[in-house]
PDB file of all heavy atoms in Angstrom:
ATOM      1  N   ARG A   1     102.957 105.365 134.949  1.00  0.00           N
ATOM      2  CA  ARG A   1     103.800 104.554 134.038  1.00  0.00           C
ATOM      3  C   ARG A   1     102.992 104.054 132.875  1.00  0.00           C
ATOM      4  O   ARG A   1     103.557 103.965 131.762  1.00  0.00           O
ATOM      5  CB  ARG A   1     104.403 103.398 134.819  1.00  0.00           C
ATOM      6  CG  ARG A   1     105.459 102.624 134.003  1.00  0.00           C
ATOM      7  CD  ARG A   1     105.974 101.445 134.774  1.00  0.00           C
ATOM      8  NE  ARG A   1     107.016 100.759 134.035  1.00  0.00           N
ATOM      9  CZ  ARG A   1     108.340 100.954 134.155  1.00  0.00           C
ATOM     10  NH1 ARG A   1     108.734 101.875 135.064  1.00  0.00           N
ATOM     11  NH2 ARG A   1     109.210 100.333 133.448  1.00  0.00           N
ATOM     12  N   HIS A   2     101.725 103.729 133.104  1.00  0.00           N
ATOM     13  CA  HIS A   2     100.905 103.191 131.952  1.00  0.00           C
ATOM     14  C   HIS A   2     100.725 104.233 130.864  1.00  0.00           C
ATOM     15  O   HIS A   2     100.637 103.898 129.669  1.00  0.00           O
ATOM     16  CB  HIS A   2      99.588 102.643 132.445  1.00  0.00           C
ATOM     17  CG  HIS A   2      98.653 103.684 132.992  1.00  0.00           C
ATOM     18  ND1 HIS A   2      98.846 104.245 134.254  1.00  0.00           N
ATOM     19  CD2 HIS A   2      97.547 104.261 132.446  1.00  0.00           C
ATOM     20  CE1 HIS A   2      97.890 105.135 134.436  1.00  0.00           C
ATOM     21  NE2 HIS A   2      97.077 105.145 133.390  1.00  0.00           N
ATOM     22  N   VAL A   3     100.683 105.492 131.242  1.00  0.00           N
ATOM     23  CA  VAL A   3     100.593 106.574 130.234  1.00  0.00           C
ATOM     24  C   VAL A   3     101.889 106.674 129.430  1.00  0.00           C
ATOM     25  O   VAL A   3     101.860 106.807 128.188  1.00  0.00           O
ATOM     26  CB  VAL A   3     100.255 107.939 130.889  1.00  0.00           C
ATOM     27  CG1 VAL A   3     100.262 109.048 129.843  1.00  0.00           C
ATOM     28  CG2 VAL A   3      98.904 107.870 131.630  1.00  0.00           C
ATOM     29  N   ALA A   4     103.031 106.622 130.122  1.00  0.00           N
ATOM     30  CA  ALA A   4     104.335 106.632 129.436  1.00  0.00           C
ATOM     31  C   ALA A   4     104.480 105.463 128.475  1.00  0.00           C
ATOM     32  O   ALA A   4     104.993 105.584 127.373  1.00  0.00           O
ATOM     33  CB  ALA A   4     105.466 106.655 130.438  1.00  0.00           C
ATOM     34  N   THR A   5     103.966 104.293 128.911  1.00  0.00           N
ATOM     35  CA  THR A   5     104.053 103.088 128.075  1.00  0.00           C
ATOM     36  C   THR A   5     103.179 103.286 126.807  1.00  0.00           C
ATOM     37  O   THR A   5     103.647 102.984 125.679  1.00  0.00           O
ATOM     38  CB  THR A   5     103.592 101.842 128.821  1.00  0.00           C
ATOM     39  OG1 THR A   5     104.428 101.626 129.956  1.00  0.00           O
ATOM     40  CG2 THR A   5     103.601 100.639 127.979  1.00  0.00           C
ATOM     41  N   ALA A   6     101.989 103.782 126.980  1.00  0.00           N
ATOM     42  CA  ALA A   6     101.104 103.976 125.833  1.00  0.00           C
ATOM     43  C   ALA A   6     101.657 105.048 124.873  1.00  0.00           C
ATOM     44  O   ALA A   6     101.627 104.902 123.650  1.00  0.00           O
ATOM     45  CB  ALA A   6      99.716 104.399 126.310  1.00  0.00           C
ATOM     46  N   ALA A   7     102.232 106.104 125.427  1.00  0.00           N
ATOM     47  CA  ALA A   7     102.828 107.158 124.595  1.00  0.00           C
ATOM     48  C   ALA A   7     104.047 106.612 123.846  1.00  0.00           C
ATOM     49  O   ALA A   7     104.253 106.944 122.685  1.00  0.00           O
ATOM     50  CB  ALA A   7     103.226 108.367 125.478  1.00  0.00           C
ATOM     51  N   GLY A   8     104.840 105.775 124.516  1.00  0.00           N
ATOM     52  CA  GLY A   8     105.973 105.164 123.821  1.00  0.00           C
ATOM     53  C   GLY A   8     105.541 104.235 122.696  1.00  0.00           C
ATOM     54  O   GLY A   8     106.178 104.216 121.661  1.00  0.00           O
ATOM     55  N   GLU A   9     104.458 103.541 122.895  1.00  0.00           N
ATOM     56  CA  GLU A   9     103.952 102.696 121.823  1.00  0.00           C
ATOM     57  C   GLU A   9     103.533 103.545 120.631  1.00  0.00           C
ATOM     58  O   GLU A   9     103.792 103.160 119.490  1.00  0.00           O
ATOM     59  CB  GLU A   9     102.706 101.890 122.338  1.00  0.00           C
ATOM     60  CG  GLU A   9     103.034 100.812 123.356  1.00  0.00           C
ATOM     61  CD  GLU A   9     101.806 100.221 123.978  1.00  0.00           C
ATOM     62  OE1 GLU A   9     100.697 100.716 123.746  1.00  0.00           O
ATOM     63  OE2 GLU A   9     101.984  99.240 124.753  1.00  0.00           O
ATOM     64  N   ALA A  10     102.933 104.687 120.928  1.00  0.00           N
ATOM     65  CA  ALA A  10     102.560 105.581 119.823  1.00  0.00           C
ATOM     66  C   ALA A  10     103.805 106.118 119.084  1.00  0.00           C
ATOM     67  O   ALA A  10     103.807 106.209 117.852  1.00  0.00           O
ATOM     68  CB  ALA A  10     101.722 106.762 120.360  1.00  0.00           C
ATOM     69  N   LEU A  11     104.833 106.438 119.844  1.00  0.00           N
ATOM     70  CA  LEU A  11     106.086 106.937 119.174  1.00  0.00           C
ATOM     71  C   LEU A  11     106.675 105.827 118.286  1.00  0.00           C
ATOM     72  O   LEU A  11     107.124 106.081 117.204  1.00  0.00           O
ATOM     73  CB  LEU A  11     107.067 107.335 120.260  1.00  0.00           C
ATOM     74  CG  LEU A  11     106.796 108.613 121.033  1.00  0.00           C
ATOM     75  CD1 LEU A  11     107.822 108.836 122.102  1.00  0.00           C
ATOM     76  CD2 LEU A  11     106.678 109.823 120.119  1.00  0.00           C
ATOM     77  N   GLY A  12     106.712 104.601 118.807  1.00  0.00           N
ATOM     78  CA  GLY A  12     107.269 103.500 118.034  1.00  0.00           C
ATOM     79  C   GLY A  12     106.454 103.157 116.826  1.00  0.00           C
ATOM     80  O   GLY A  12     106.971 102.652 115.788  1.00  0.00           O
ATOM     81  N   ASN A  13     105.128 103.392 116.927  1.00  0.00           N
ATOM     82  CA  ASN A  13     104.244 103.021 115.860  1.00  0.00           C
ATOM     83  C   ASN A  13     104.118 104.050 114.740  1.00  0.00           C
ATOM     84  O   ASN A  13     103.812 103.706 113.613  1.00  0.00           O
ATOM     85  CB  ASN A  13     102.841 102.765 116.438  1.00  0.00           C
ATOM     86  CG  ASN A  13     101.961 101.933 115.523  1.00  0.00           C
ATOM     87  OD1 ASN A  13     102.414 100.986 114.913  1.00  0.00           O
ATOM     88  ND2 ASN A  13     100.693 102.280 115.455  1.00  0.00           N
ATOM     89  N   ALA A  14     104.409 105.293 115.108  1.00  0.00           N
ATOM     90  CA  ALA A  14     104.114 106.376 114.146  1.00  0.00           C
ATOM     91  C   ALA A  14     105.278 107.346 113.972  1.00  0.00           C
ATOM     92  O   ALA A  14     105.795 107.567 112.867  1.00  0.00           O
ATOM     93  CB  ALA A  14     102.850 107.134 114.518  1.00  0.00           C
ATOM     94  N   ALA A  15     105.696 107.969 115.052  1.00  0.00           N
ATOM     95  CA  ALA A  15     106.679 109.077 114.960  1.00  0.00           C
ATOM     96  C   ALA A  15     108.054 108.544 114.523  1.00  0.00           C
ATOM     97  O   ALA A  15     108.702 109.186 113.693  1.00  0.00           O
ATOM     98  CB  ALA A  15     106.798 109.801 116.276  1.00  0.00           C
ATOM     99  N   LEU A  16     108.448 107.409 115.037  1.00  0.00           N
ATOM    100  CA  LEU A  16     109.796 106.907 114.650  1.00  0.00           C
ATOM    101  C   LEU A  16     109.855 106.509 113.202  1.00  0.00           C
ATOM    102  O   LEU A  16     110.818 106.926 112.486  1.00  0.00           O
ATOM    103  CB  LEU A  16     110.137 105.700 115.541  1.00  0.00           C
ATOM    104  CG  LEU A  16     111.515 105.092 115.336  1.00  0.00           C
ATOM    105  CD1 LEU A  16     112.612 106.122 115.558  1.00  0.00           C
ATOM    106  CD2 LEU A  16     111.724 103.894 116.264  1.00  0.00           C
ATOM    107  N   PRO A  17     108.884 105.782 112.629  1.00  0.00           N
ATOM    108  CA  PRO A  17     108.917 105.523 111.193  1.00  0.00           C
ATOM    109  C   PRO A  17     108.817 106.781 110.337  1.00  0.00           C
ATOM    110  O   PRO A  17     109.417 106.839 109.257  1.00  0.00           O
ATOM    111  CB  PRO A  17     107.685 104.623 110.996  1.00  0.00           C
ATOM    112  CG  PRO A  17     107.496 103.962 112.305  1.00  0.00           C
ATOM    113  CD  PRO A  17     107.817 105.013 113.306  1.00  0.00           C
ATOM    114  N   ALA A  18     108.124 107.785 110.844  1.00  0.00           N
ATOM    115  CA  ALA A  18     108.030 109.052 110.071  1.00  0.00           C
ATOM    116  C   ALA A  18     109.386 109.730 109.983  1.00  0.00           C
ATOM    117  O   ALA A  18     109.760 110.323 108.966  1.00  0.00           O
ATOM    118  CB  ALA A  18     107.026 109.982 110.728  1.00  0.00           C
ATOM    119  N   LEU A  19     110.179 109.619 111.040  1.00  0.00           N
ATOM    120  CA  LEU A  19     111.514 110.203 111.052  1.00  0.00           C
ATOM    121  C   LEU A  19     112.484 109.398 110.203  1.00  0.00           C
ATOM    122  O   LEU A  19     113.400 109.948 109.600  1.00  0.00           O
ATOM    123  CB  LEU A  19     112.005 110.319 112.493  1.00  0.00           C
ATOM    124  CG  LEU A  19     113.381 110.989 112.683  1.00  0.00           C
ATOM    125  CD1 LEU A  19     113.304 112.459 112.322  1.00  0.00           C
ATOM    126  CD2 LEU A  19     113.790 110.868 114.180  1.00  0.00           C
ATOM    127  N   LEU A  20     112.267 108.081 110.194  1.00  0.00           N
ATOM    128  CA  LEU A  20     113.212 107.186 109.512  1.00  0.00           C
ATOM    129  C   LEU A  20     112.497 106.319 108.496  1.00  0.00           C
ATOM    130  O   LEU A  20     112.350 105.096 108.621  1.00  0.00           O
ATOM    131  CB  LEU A  20     113.897 106.301 110.525  1.00  0.00           C
ATOM    132  CG  LEU A  20     114.648 107.034 111.639  1.00  0.00           C
ATOM    133  CD1 LEU A  20     115.047 106.089 112.746  1.00  0.00           C
ATOM    134  CD2 LEU A  20     115.898 107.710 111.048  1.00  0.00           C
ATOM    135  N   PRO A  21     111.912 106.916 107.433  1.00  0.00           N
ATOM    136  CA  PRO A  21     111.078 106.126 106.474  1.00  0.00           C
ATOM    137  C   PRO A  21     111.872 105.060 105.717  1.00  0.00           C
ATOM    138  O   PRO A  21     111.263 104.170 105.171  1.00  0.00           O
ATOM    139  CB  PRO A  21     110.551 107.217 105.526  1.00  0.00           C
ATOM    140  CG  PRO A  21     111.541 108.355 105.604  1.00  0.00           C
ATOM    141  CD  PRO A  21     112.024 108.310 107.025  1.00  0.00           C
ATOM    142  N   ARG A  22     113.175 105.176 105.661  1.00  0.00           N
ATOM    143  CA  ARG A  22     113.923 104.150 104.900  1.00  0.00           C
ATOM    144  C   ARG A  22     114.306 102.929 105.742  1.00  0.00           C
ATOM    145  O   ARG A  22     114.888 101.987 105.244  1.00  0.00           O
ATOM    146  CB  ARG A  22     115.206 104.792 104.355  1.00  0.00           C
ATOM    147  CG  ARG A  22     114.992 105.896 103.331  1.00  0.00           C
ATOM    148  CD  ARG A  22     116.325 106.333 102.721  1.00  0.00           C
ATOM    149  NE  ARG A  22     117.291 106.765 103.728  1.00  0.00           N
ATOM    150  CZ  ARG A  22     117.309 107.988 104.262  1.00  0.00           C
ATOM    151  NH1 ARG A  22     116.399 108.893 103.889  1.00  0.00           N
ATOM    152  NH2 ARG A  22     118.212 108.323 105.140  1.00  0.00           N
ATOM    153  N   GLY A  23     113.917 102.972 107.028  1.00  0.00           N
ATOM    154  CA  GLY A  23     114.240 101.826 107.894  1.00  0.00           C
ATOM    155  C   GLY A  23     115.683 101.830 108.282  1.00  0.00           C
ATOM    156  O   GLY A  23     116.324 102.865 108.415  1.00  0.00           O
ATOM    157  N   GLY A  24     116.219 100.639 108.486  1.00  0.00           N
ATOM    158  CA  GLY A  24     117.579 100.524 108.963  1.00  0.00           C
ATOM    159  C   GLY A  24     117.642 100.291 110.471  1.00  0.00           C
ATOM    160  O   GLY A  24     116.651 100.119 111.124  1.00  0.00           O
ATOM    161  N   ARG A  25     118.847 100.262 111.003  1.00  0.00           N
ATOM    162  CA  ARG A  25     119.058 100.010 112.394  1.00  0.00           C
ATOM    163  C   ARG A  25     119.082 101.313 113.192  1.00  0.00           C
ATOM    164  O   ARG A  25     119.694 102.283 112.710  1.00  0.00           O
ATOM    165  CB  ARG A  25     120.333  99.193 112.624  1.00  0.00           C
ATOM    166  CG  ARG A  25     120.243  97.759 112.164  1.00  0.00           C
ATOM    167  CD  ARG A  25     121.563  97.082 112.218  1.00  0.00           C
ATOM    168  NE  ARG A  25     122.483  97.615 111.187  1.00  0.00           N
ATOM    169  CZ  ARG A  25     123.754  97.345 111.141  1.00  0.00           C
ATOM    170  NH1 ARG A  25     124.333  96.629 112.103  1.00  0.00           N
ATOM    171  NH2 ARG A  25     124.499  97.862 110.167  1.00  0.00           N
TER     172      ARG A  25
END
């Protein structure tokens, strides 16, 4: 589970903003 948590943190920190650079909900 700790690996999934760390990978999720990486997604929220980098991949998600890359996909949605304009922000929003």
